[in-house]
N, C-alpha and C. Protein backbone atom coordinates (compact mmCIF):
# COMPACT_ATOMS: atom_id res chain seq x y z
N MET A 1 -14.87 40.29 35.86
CA MET A 1 -15.78 40.53 34.95
C MET A 1 -15.29 41.20 34.03
N THR A 2 -15.76 41.05 32.77
CA THR A 2 -15.39 40.99 31.43
C THR A 2 -15.74 42.50 31.26
N LEU A 3 -15.04 43.86 30.70
CA LEU A 3 -15.81 44.29 29.63
C LEU A 3 -15.61 44.70 28.40
N THR A 4 -16.52 44.62 27.85
CA THR A 4 -16.96 44.62 26.66
C THR A 4 -17.45 46.23 26.07
N ILE A 5 -16.87 46.54 25.13
CA ILE A 5 -16.96 47.75 24.63
C ILE A 5 -17.16 47.42 22.63
N ARG A 6 -18.22 48.13 22.59
CA ARG A 6 -18.89 47.38 21.62
C ARG A 6 -19.90 48.56 20.39
N GLU A 7 -19.55 48.77 18.91
CA GLU A 7 -19.75 50.04 18.53
C GLU A 7 -21.91 49.62 17.97
N LEU A 8 -22.93 51.10 18.51
CA LEU A 8 -23.80 50.18 18.37
C LEU A 8 -24.33 50.53 16.82
N GLY A 9 -25.25 50.12 16.40
CA GLY A 9 -25.80 49.69 15.23
C GLY A 9 -27.37 50.43 14.83
N PRO A 10 -27.90 50.37 13.76
CA PRO A 10 -29.58 50.17 13.57
C PRO A 10 -30.17 49.77 14.37
N ALA A 11 -29.96 48.41 14.87
CA ALA A 11 -31.06 47.61 15.46
C ALA A 11 -30.68 48.19 16.94
N ASP A 12 -29.86 48.89 17.61
CA ASP A 12 -29.62 49.77 19.16
C ASP A 12 -29.98 50.83 19.00
N LEU A 13 -30.87 51.24 18.51
CA LEU A 13 -31.74 52.35 18.74
C LEU A 13 -32.21 52.82 20.07
N GLU A 14 -32.68 51.54 20.88
CA GLU A 14 -33.34 51.91 21.77
C GLU A 14 -32.41 51.84 23.06
N ILE A 15 -31.24 50.70 23.28
CA ILE A 15 -30.25 51.18 23.95
C ILE A 15 -29.50 52.34 24.09
N TRP A 16 -29.29 52.91 22.38
CA TRP A 16 -28.68 54.00 22.22
C TRP A 16 -29.35 55.51 23.31
N THR A 17 -31.09 55.42 23.18
CA THR A 17 -31.79 56.32 23.71
C THR A 17 -32.01 56.24 24.89
N ASP A 18 -31.38 54.64 25.83
CA ASP A 18 -31.88 54.36 27.05
C ASP A 18 -30.37 55.52 27.51
N CYS A 19 -29.73 54.72 27.14
CA CYS A 19 -28.07 55.90 27.45
C CYS A 19 -27.72 57.26 27.05
N ALA A 20 -28.96 57.92 26.65
CA ALA A 20 -28.54 59.09 25.91
C ALA A 20 -29.78 60.26 26.98
N GLN A 21 -31.23 59.19 27.48
CA GLN A 21 -32.06 59.72 28.58
C GLN A 21 -30.96 59.63 29.83
N ALA A 22 -30.47 58.44 29.99
CA ALA A 22 -29.54 58.41 31.34
C ALA A 22 -28.84 59.86 31.73
N LEU A 23 -27.99 60.08 30.17
CA LEU A 23 -27.70 61.67 30.55
C LEU A 23 -28.24 62.71 30.49
N PHE A 24 -29.29 62.95 29.57
CA PHE A 24 -29.78 63.98 29.12
C PHE A 24 -31.16 64.02 29.89
N PRO A 25 -31.65 63.30 31.52
CA PRO A 25 -32.58 63.16 32.17
C PRO A 25 -34.05 63.81 31.96
N GLY A 26 -33.87 64.99 31.38
CA GLY A 26 -34.47 66.58 31.45
C GLY A 26 -35.33 66.59 29.98
N GLN A 27 -34.73 65.94 29.18
CA GLN A 27 -34.98 65.13 27.35
C GLN A 27 -35.80 64.77 27.23
N PRO A 28 -37.19 64.71 26.26
CA PRO A 28 -38.28 63.44 26.82
C PRO A 28 -37.09 62.48 25.35
N ARG A 29 -38.00 61.45 25.77
CA ARG A 29 -37.70 60.01 25.35
C ARG A 29 -38.00 60.29 23.67
N ALA A 30 -38.69 60.45 23.22
CA ALA A 30 -39.16 60.58 21.94
C ALA A 30 -38.28 61.50 21.24
N ALA A 31 -38.13 62.73 21.65
CA ALA A 31 -37.42 63.70 21.21
C ALA A 31 -35.56 63.21 20.84
N LEU A 32 -35.36 63.01 21.99
CA LEU A 32 -33.65 62.08 21.91
C LEU A 32 -33.79 61.13 20.59
N ARG A 33 -34.74 60.01 20.78
CA ARG A 33 -34.88 59.07 19.58
C ARG A 33 -35.07 59.34 18.54
N ASP A 34 -35.74 60.48 18.23
CA ASP A 34 -36.29 61.12 16.97
C ASP A 34 -34.54 61.74 16.13
N GLU A 35 -33.86 62.62 17.38
CA GLU A 35 -32.52 63.16 17.12
C GLU A 35 -31.71 61.77 17.14
N ILE A 36 -31.03 60.57 17.14
CA ILE A 36 -30.59 60.04 17.29
C ILE A 36 -31.11 59.72 15.49
N ARG A 37 -32.08 59.15 15.64
CA ARG A 37 -32.15 58.66 14.09
C ARG A 37 -32.26 59.33 13.10
N ALA A 38 -32.41 60.92 13.01
CA ALA A 38 -32.03 61.45 12.47
C ALA A 38 -30.14 61.78 11.67
N TRP A 39 -29.59 61.95 12.84
CA TRP A 39 -28.24 62.05 12.60
C TRP A 39 -27.63 61.31 12.62
N ALA A 40 -27.50 60.26 12.87
CA ALA A 40 -26.75 58.90 12.99
C ALA A 40 -26.33 58.54 11.50
N GLY A 41 -25.15 58.77 11.63
CA GLY A 41 -24.79 57.94 10.31
C GLY A 41 -24.60 58.68 9.06
N HIS A 42 -24.91 59.71 8.75
CA HIS A 42 -25.51 60.89 8.02
C HIS A 42 -23.79 61.29 7.72
N GLY A 43 -23.07 61.10 6.54
CA GLY A 43 -22.40 61.96 5.81
C GLY A 43 -20.86 62.23 6.66
N LEU A 44 -20.80 64.10 7.05
CA LEU A 44 -20.44 64.62 7.56
C LEU A 44 -19.94 64.57 9.13
N GLY A 45 -21.35 64.68 9.52
CA GLY A 45 -21.53 65.01 10.58
C GLY A 45 -22.18 63.56 11.50
N GLN A 46 -21.73 62.71 10.90
CA GLN A 46 -22.01 60.92 11.31
C GLN A 46 -21.77 60.83 13.03
N THR A 47 -22.69 60.35 13.24
CA THR A 47 -22.40 60.16 14.83
C THR A 47 -22.37 59.00 15.08
N ARG A 48 -21.38 58.35 15.60
CA ARG A 48 -21.42 56.93 15.92
C ARG A 48 -21.51 56.77 17.47
N ALA A 49 -22.04 55.83 18.01
CA ALA A 49 -21.82 55.33 19.33
C ALA A 49 -21.33 53.67 20.05
N TRP A 50 -20.59 53.94 20.91
CA TRP A 50 -20.65 52.82 21.15
C TRP A 50 -21.11 52.26 23.17
N THR A 51 -20.69 51.40 23.43
CA THR A 51 -21.37 50.78 24.84
C THR A 51 -19.83 50.24 25.32
N ALA A 52 -20.25 50.35 26.94
CA ALA A 52 -19.17 49.24 27.54
C ALA A 52 -20.26 48.69 28.58
N SER A 53 -19.88 47.45 28.36
CA SER A 53 -20.82 46.30 29.07
C SER A 53 -20.34 45.46 30.06
N ARG A 54 -20.21 45.34 31.18
CA ARG A 54 -19.65 44.13 31.67
C ARG A 54 -20.85 43.33 31.76
N ASP A 55 -20.58 41.62 32.07
CA ASP A 55 -21.44 41.18 32.20
C ASP A 55 -22.60 41.08 31.74
N GLY A 56 -22.84 41.55 30.97
CA GLY A 56 -24.21 41.87 29.82
C GLY A 56 -24.65 43.21 29.86
N THR A 57 -24.42 44.05 30.84
CA THR A 57 -25.18 45.57 31.03
C THR A 57 -24.12 46.44 31.16
N VAL A 58 -25.09 47.38 30.59
CA VAL A 58 -24.54 48.22 29.81
C VAL A 58 -23.85 49.13 31.61
N CYS A 59 -22.46 49.80 31.16
CA CYS A 59 -22.42 50.41 32.24
C CYS A 59 -21.03 51.60 32.13
N GLY A 60 -21.84 52.30 30.59
CA GLY A 60 -20.94 52.77 30.05
C GLY A 60 -21.39 53.09 28.34
N TRP A 61 -21.31 54.42 28.03
CA TRP A 61 -21.67 54.70 26.70
C TRP A 61 -21.11 56.46 25.85
N ALA A 62 -20.44 56.06 24.85
CA ALA A 62 -19.93 57.00 24.19
C ALA A 62 -20.27 57.51 23.08
N GLU A 63 -20.32 58.79 22.34
CA GLU A 63 -20.34 59.27 21.33
C GLU A 63 -20.10 60.13 20.72
N VAL A 64 -19.25 59.43 19.04
CA VAL A 64 -18.27 60.89 18.07
C VAL A 64 -18.37 60.94 17.08
N SER A 65 -18.62 62.39 16.79
CA SER A 65 -18.59 62.88 15.34
C SER A 65 -17.71 62.66 14.73
N ARG A 66 -18.03 63.65 13.56
CA ARG A 66 -16.93 63.87 12.72
C ARG A 66 -17.37 65.49 12.47
N ARG A 67 -17.29 66.57 13.01
CA ARG A 67 -16.92 67.49 12.96
C ARG A 67 -16.38 68.34 11.80
N PRO A 68 -16.65 69.34 11.17
CA PRO A 68 -15.84 70.39 9.69
C PRO A 68 -14.49 70.68 11.01
N TYR A 69 -14.95 70.96 11.93
CA TYR A 69 -13.78 72.03 13.24
C TYR A 69 -14.55 71.77 14.29
N ALA A 70 -13.16 71.83 15.18
CA ALA A 70 -13.41 72.40 17.15
C ALA A 70 -12.52 73.01 17.69
N ASN A 71 -13.34 73.90 18.09
CA ASN A 71 -12.03 75.14 18.48
C ASN A 71 -10.78 74.12 19.36
N GLY A 72 -9.70 74.43 19.07
CA GLY A 72 -8.83 74.09 19.93
C GLY A 72 -7.84 72.66 19.09
N CYS A 73 -8.82 72.45 18.04
CA CYS A 73 -7.88 71.50 17.60
C CYS A 73 -7.40 72.06 15.89
N GLU A 74 -6.08 71.20 15.33
CA GLU A 74 -6.02 71.25 14.16
C GLU A 74 -6.59 70.03 12.59
N ALA A 75 -6.99 69.52 13.45
CA ALA A 75 -7.25 68.77 12.09
C ALA A 75 -8.80 68.94 11.67
N ARG A 76 -9.21 69.22 10.27
CA ARG A 76 -10.82 69.74 9.57
C ARG A 76 -10.68 68.50 8.76
N PRO A 77 -11.68 68.09 8.56
CA PRO A 77 -12.76 67.70 9.89
C PRO A 77 -11.91 66.93 11.13
N VAL A 78 -12.41 67.16 12.33
CA VAL A 78 -12.33 66.21 13.51
C VAL A 78 -12.58 65.58 14.05
N ALA A 79 -12.39 64.45 14.51
CA ALA A 79 -13.36 63.60 15.39
C ALA A 79 -13.57 64.25 16.93
N PHE A 80 -14.92 64.25 17.35
CA PHE A 80 -15.42 64.83 18.15
C PHE A 80 -16.03 64.00 18.87
N LEU A 81 -15.71 64.22 20.87
CA LEU A 81 -16.35 63.41 22.01
C LEU A 81 -17.79 63.80 22.13
N GLU A 82 -19.18 63.58 21.37
CA GLU A 82 -20.39 64.51 22.22
C GLU A 82 -20.53 64.48 23.23
N ALA A 83 -20.83 62.74 23.66
CA ALA A 83 -21.33 62.55 24.81
C ALA A 83 -20.66 61.51 25.62
N ILE A 84 -20.38 61.54 26.78
CA ILE A 84 -20.05 60.15 27.36
C ILE A 84 -20.48 59.96 28.63
N TRP A 85 -20.69 59.07 29.38
CA TRP A 85 -21.88 58.68 30.61
C TRP A 85 -21.27 57.08 30.94
N VAL A 86 -21.23 57.23 32.30
CA VAL A 86 -20.86 55.90 33.08
C VAL A 86 -21.94 55.90 34.05
N THR A 87 -22.36 54.79 34.27
CA THR A 87 -23.36 54.54 35.71
C THR A 87 -23.29 54.79 36.51
N PRO A 88 -23.90 55.82 37.59
CA PRO A 88 -22.84 56.34 39.00
C PRO A 88 -22.10 55.38 39.80
N GLU A 89 -22.96 54.07 39.58
CA GLU A 89 -22.31 52.56 40.51
C GLU A 89 -20.86 51.87 39.76
N ALA A 90 -20.72 52.24 38.70
CA ALA A 90 -19.31 52.26 37.69
C ALA A 90 -18.34 53.49 37.85
N ARG A 91 -18.82 54.26 38.16
CA ARG A 91 -17.67 55.39 38.20
C ARG A 91 -16.16 55.45 38.76
N ARG A 92 -15.27 56.31 38.57
CA ARG A 92 -14.42 55.99 39.30
C ARG A 92 -13.71 54.38 38.71
N THR A 93 -14.14 53.62 37.61
CA THR A 93 -13.49 52.43 37.81
C THR A 93 -12.66 52.10 36.63
N GLY A 94 -12.40 52.83 36.12
CA GLY A 94 -12.08 52.49 34.75
C GLY A 94 -12.72 52.58 33.29
N ILE A 95 -13.80 53.07 33.84
CA ILE A 95 -14.95 52.30 32.25
C ILE A 95 -14.77 53.76 30.81
N GLY A 96 -14.67 55.25 31.69
CA GLY A 96 -14.19 55.92 30.82
C GLY A 96 -13.15 55.57 30.27
N ARG A 97 -12.29 56.13 31.06
CA ARG A 97 -10.78 55.33 30.36
C ARG A 97 -10.85 54.51 29.83
N ALA A 98 -11.46 53.14 29.57
CA ALA A 98 -11.76 52.25 28.27
C ALA A 98 -12.36 52.91 27.30
N LEU A 99 -13.38 53.13 27.51
CA LEU A 99 -14.41 53.96 26.12
C LEU A 99 -13.52 54.65 25.47
N ILE A 100 -12.59 56.09 26.03
CA ILE A 100 -11.63 56.39 25.29
C ILE A 100 -10.87 56.07 24.51
N ARG A 101 -9.93 55.12 25.28
CA ARG A 101 -8.95 54.50 24.69
C ARG A 101 -9.66 53.60 23.62
N HIS A 102 -10.47 53.25 23.60
CA HIS A 102 -11.04 52.37 22.72
C HIS A 102 -11.56 53.41 21.11
N LEU A 103 -11.98 54.62 21.54
CA LEU A 103 -12.49 55.60 20.28
C LEU A 103 -11.04 56.10 19.65
N ALA A 104 -10.11 56.25 20.91
CA ALA A 104 -8.92 56.87 19.87
C ALA A 104 -8.57 56.10 19.45
N ALA A 105 -8.42 54.69 19.75
CA ALA A 105 -8.00 53.68 18.82
C ALA A 105 -9.08 53.50 16.99
N VAL A 106 -10.14 53.45 17.55
CA VAL A 106 -11.04 53.86 16.49
C VAL A 106 -10.74 55.01 15.27
N VAL A 107 -10.76 56.08 15.98
CA VAL A 107 -10.49 57.15 15.14
C VAL A 107 -9.00 57.06 14.86
N ARG A 108 -7.96 56.85 15.27
CA ARG A 108 -6.34 56.30 14.75
C ARG A 108 -6.57 55.92 13.14
N ALA A 109 -7.28 54.43 13.65
CA ALA A 109 -7.57 53.34 12.49
C ALA A 109 -8.19 53.82 11.43
N GLU A 110 -8.78 54.77 11.42
CA GLU A 110 -9.66 56.05 10.82
C GLU A 110 -8.78 56.70 10.07
N GLY A 111 -7.25 57.13 10.20
CA GLY A 111 -6.41 58.21 9.97
C GLY A 111 -6.59 59.56 10.74
N GLY A 112 -7.77 59.35 12.24
CA GLY A 112 -7.63 60.73 12.70
C GLY A 112 -6.23 60.58 13.49
N HIS A 113 -5.71 62.12 14.17
CA HIS A 113 -5.08 61.92 14.73
C HIS A 113 -4.67 62.85 15.97
N GLU A 114 -6.03 63.12 16.75
CA GLU A 114 -6.73 63.80 17.37
C GLU A 114 -8.25 63.46 17.65
N LEU A 115 -8.70 63.71 19.14
CA LEU A 115 -9.88 63.67 19.60
C LEU A 115 -10.51 65.00 19.88
N GLY A 116 -11.20 65.88 19.48
CA GLY A 116 -11.90 67.12 20.31
C GLY A 116 -13.12 66.65 21.75
N SER A 117 -13.19 67.28 22.57
CA SER A 117 -14.05 67.26 23.37
C SER A 117 -14.72 68.43 23.90
N ASP A 118 -15.21 68.91 24.77
CA ASP A 118 -15.80 70.22 25.69
C ASP A 118 -16.33 69.65 26.84
N ALA A 119 -16.53 70.37 27.72
CA ALA A 119 -17.82 70.72 28.44
C ALA A 119 -17.99 71.50 29.33
N LEU A 120 -19.01 71.75 30.03
CA LEU A 120 -19.34 73.01 30.22
C LEU A 120 -18.68 73.52 31.35
N ILE A 121 -18.68 75.28 31.26
CA ILE A 121 -17.75 75.52 32.01
C ILE A 121 -17.83 75.00 34.01
N GLU A 122 -18.58 75.01 34.48
CA GLU A 122 -18.99 74.35 35.98
C GLU A 122 -19.18 73.25 35.98
N ASN A 123 -18.75 72.31 34.64
CA ASN A 123 -18.35 70.78 35.42
C ASN A 123 -17.36 70.53 35.39
N LEU A 124 -16.80 70.58 36.40
CA LEU A 124 -15.90 70.63 37.72
C LEU A 124 -15.13 68.98 37.37
N ALA A 125 -16.25 68.15 37.44
CA ALA A 125 -15.78 66.45 37.54
C ALA A 125 -15.69 66.37 35.69
N SER A 126 -16.26 67.11 35.07
CA SER A 126 -16.27 66.44 33.55
C SER A 126 -14.90 67.32 33.29
N HIS A 127 -14.08 68.30 33.92
CA HIS A 127 -12.55 68.83 33.60
C HIS A 127 -11.79 67.69 33.87
N ALA A 128 -11.77 67.77 35.27
CA ALA A 128 -10.98 66.19 36.12
C ALA A 128 -10.71 64.78 34.95
N ALA A 129 -12.30 64.48 34.50
CA ALA A 129 -12.30 63.14 34.16
C ALA A 129 -11.32 63.29 32.55
N HIS A 130 -11.85 64.84 31.87
CA HIS A 130 -11.50 64.49 30.63
C HIS A 130 -9.48 65.10 30.83
N ARG A 131 -8.77 65.58 31.83
CA ARG A 131 -7.61 66.00 32.40
C ARG A 131 -7.07 64.23 32.28
N SER A 132 -7.56 63.68 33.29
CA SER A 132 -7.37 62.08 33.93
C SER A 132 -7.27 61.47 32.19
N TRP A 133 -7.46 61.03 31.28
CA TRP A 133 -8.16 60.80 30.21
C TRP A 133 -7.55 60.78 29.31
N GLY A 134 -6.20 62.70 29.11
CA GLY A 134 -5.13 62.49 28.59
C GLY A 134 -5.90 63.46 28.11
N PHE A 135 -6.65 64.45 27.96
CA PHE A 135 -7.35 65.41 27.28
C PHE A 135 -6.31 66.78 27.60
N ARG A 136 -5.95 67.73 26.83
CA ARG A 136 -5.65 68.90 27.62
C ARG A 136 -6.36 70.33 27.50
N GLU A 137 -6.56 70.41 28.26
CA GLU A 137 -7.47 71.75 27.71
C GLU A 137 -7.15 72.95 26.42
N THR A 138 -7.76 73.63 25.73
CA THR A 138 -7.20 74.59 24.75
C THR A 138 -7.78 75.89 24.70
N GLU A 139 -8.82 75.96 25.06
CA GLU A 139 -9.34 76.89 25.31
C GLU A 139 -10.61 77.62 26.43
N ARG A 140 -11.05 78.27 26.66
CA ARG A 140 -12.59 78.69 27.36
C ARG A 140 -12.89 79.52 26.28
N VAL A 141 -14.45 79.33 26.43
CA VAL A 141 -15.45 80.22 25.78
C VAL A 141 -17.07 80.83 26.31
N VAL A 142 -17.03 81.48 25.85
CA VAL A 142 -18.92 81.60 26.67
C VAL A 142 -19.39 82.35 25.12
N HIS A 143 -20.39 81.34 25.57
CA HIS A 143 -21.51 81.60 24.38
C HIS A 143 -23.01 82.27 24.48
N PHE A 144 -22.91 83.52 23.87
CA PHE A 144 -24.37 84.39 24.26
C PHE A 144 -25.05 83.91 22.99
N ARG A 145 -26.26 84.37 22.99
CA ARG A 145 -27.55 84.41 22.26
C ARG A 145 -27.96 85.80 22.31
N LEU A 146 -28.71 86.16 20.89
CA LEU A 146 -28.85 87.75 20.84
C LEU A 146 -30.33 86.94 20.21
N PRO A 147 -31.74 87.17 21.22
CA PRO A 147 -33.03 86.56 20.41
C PRO A 147 -33.33 87.50 19.69
N LEU A 148 -34.02 87.07 18.49
CA LEU A 148 -34.24 87.96 17.77
C LEU A 148 -36.07 88.07 16.97
């Protein structure tokens, strides 16, 4: 089976939305589509996405943005892994690693020297995946909110 990684473009809005819906199933599809359409490809906060496919079937997806800064990173601005998802049947087969390697090569080719990321504190599977891809934990934070 051949793995193909390709960047999504304007014509791929529905594919991008399908992938986002798989990662965030509780979010309304129309809201995800509108969000993707609103921030994909715009200025400093530009967000780009790639899919990994085997024999024409999408089995993974990742989004990278350029943030002004990210906790634990030295670069400003910095490339940031906003989301990564692999189909349940393709997990632990190297799809995530292949996506990260591809994204790292893209970021390097564009002059970047690091890729930031985060995961929810209770998402231990994501922590383990990040470590296996070569990420190093830099800090832990707890976010708070004061409703006004």
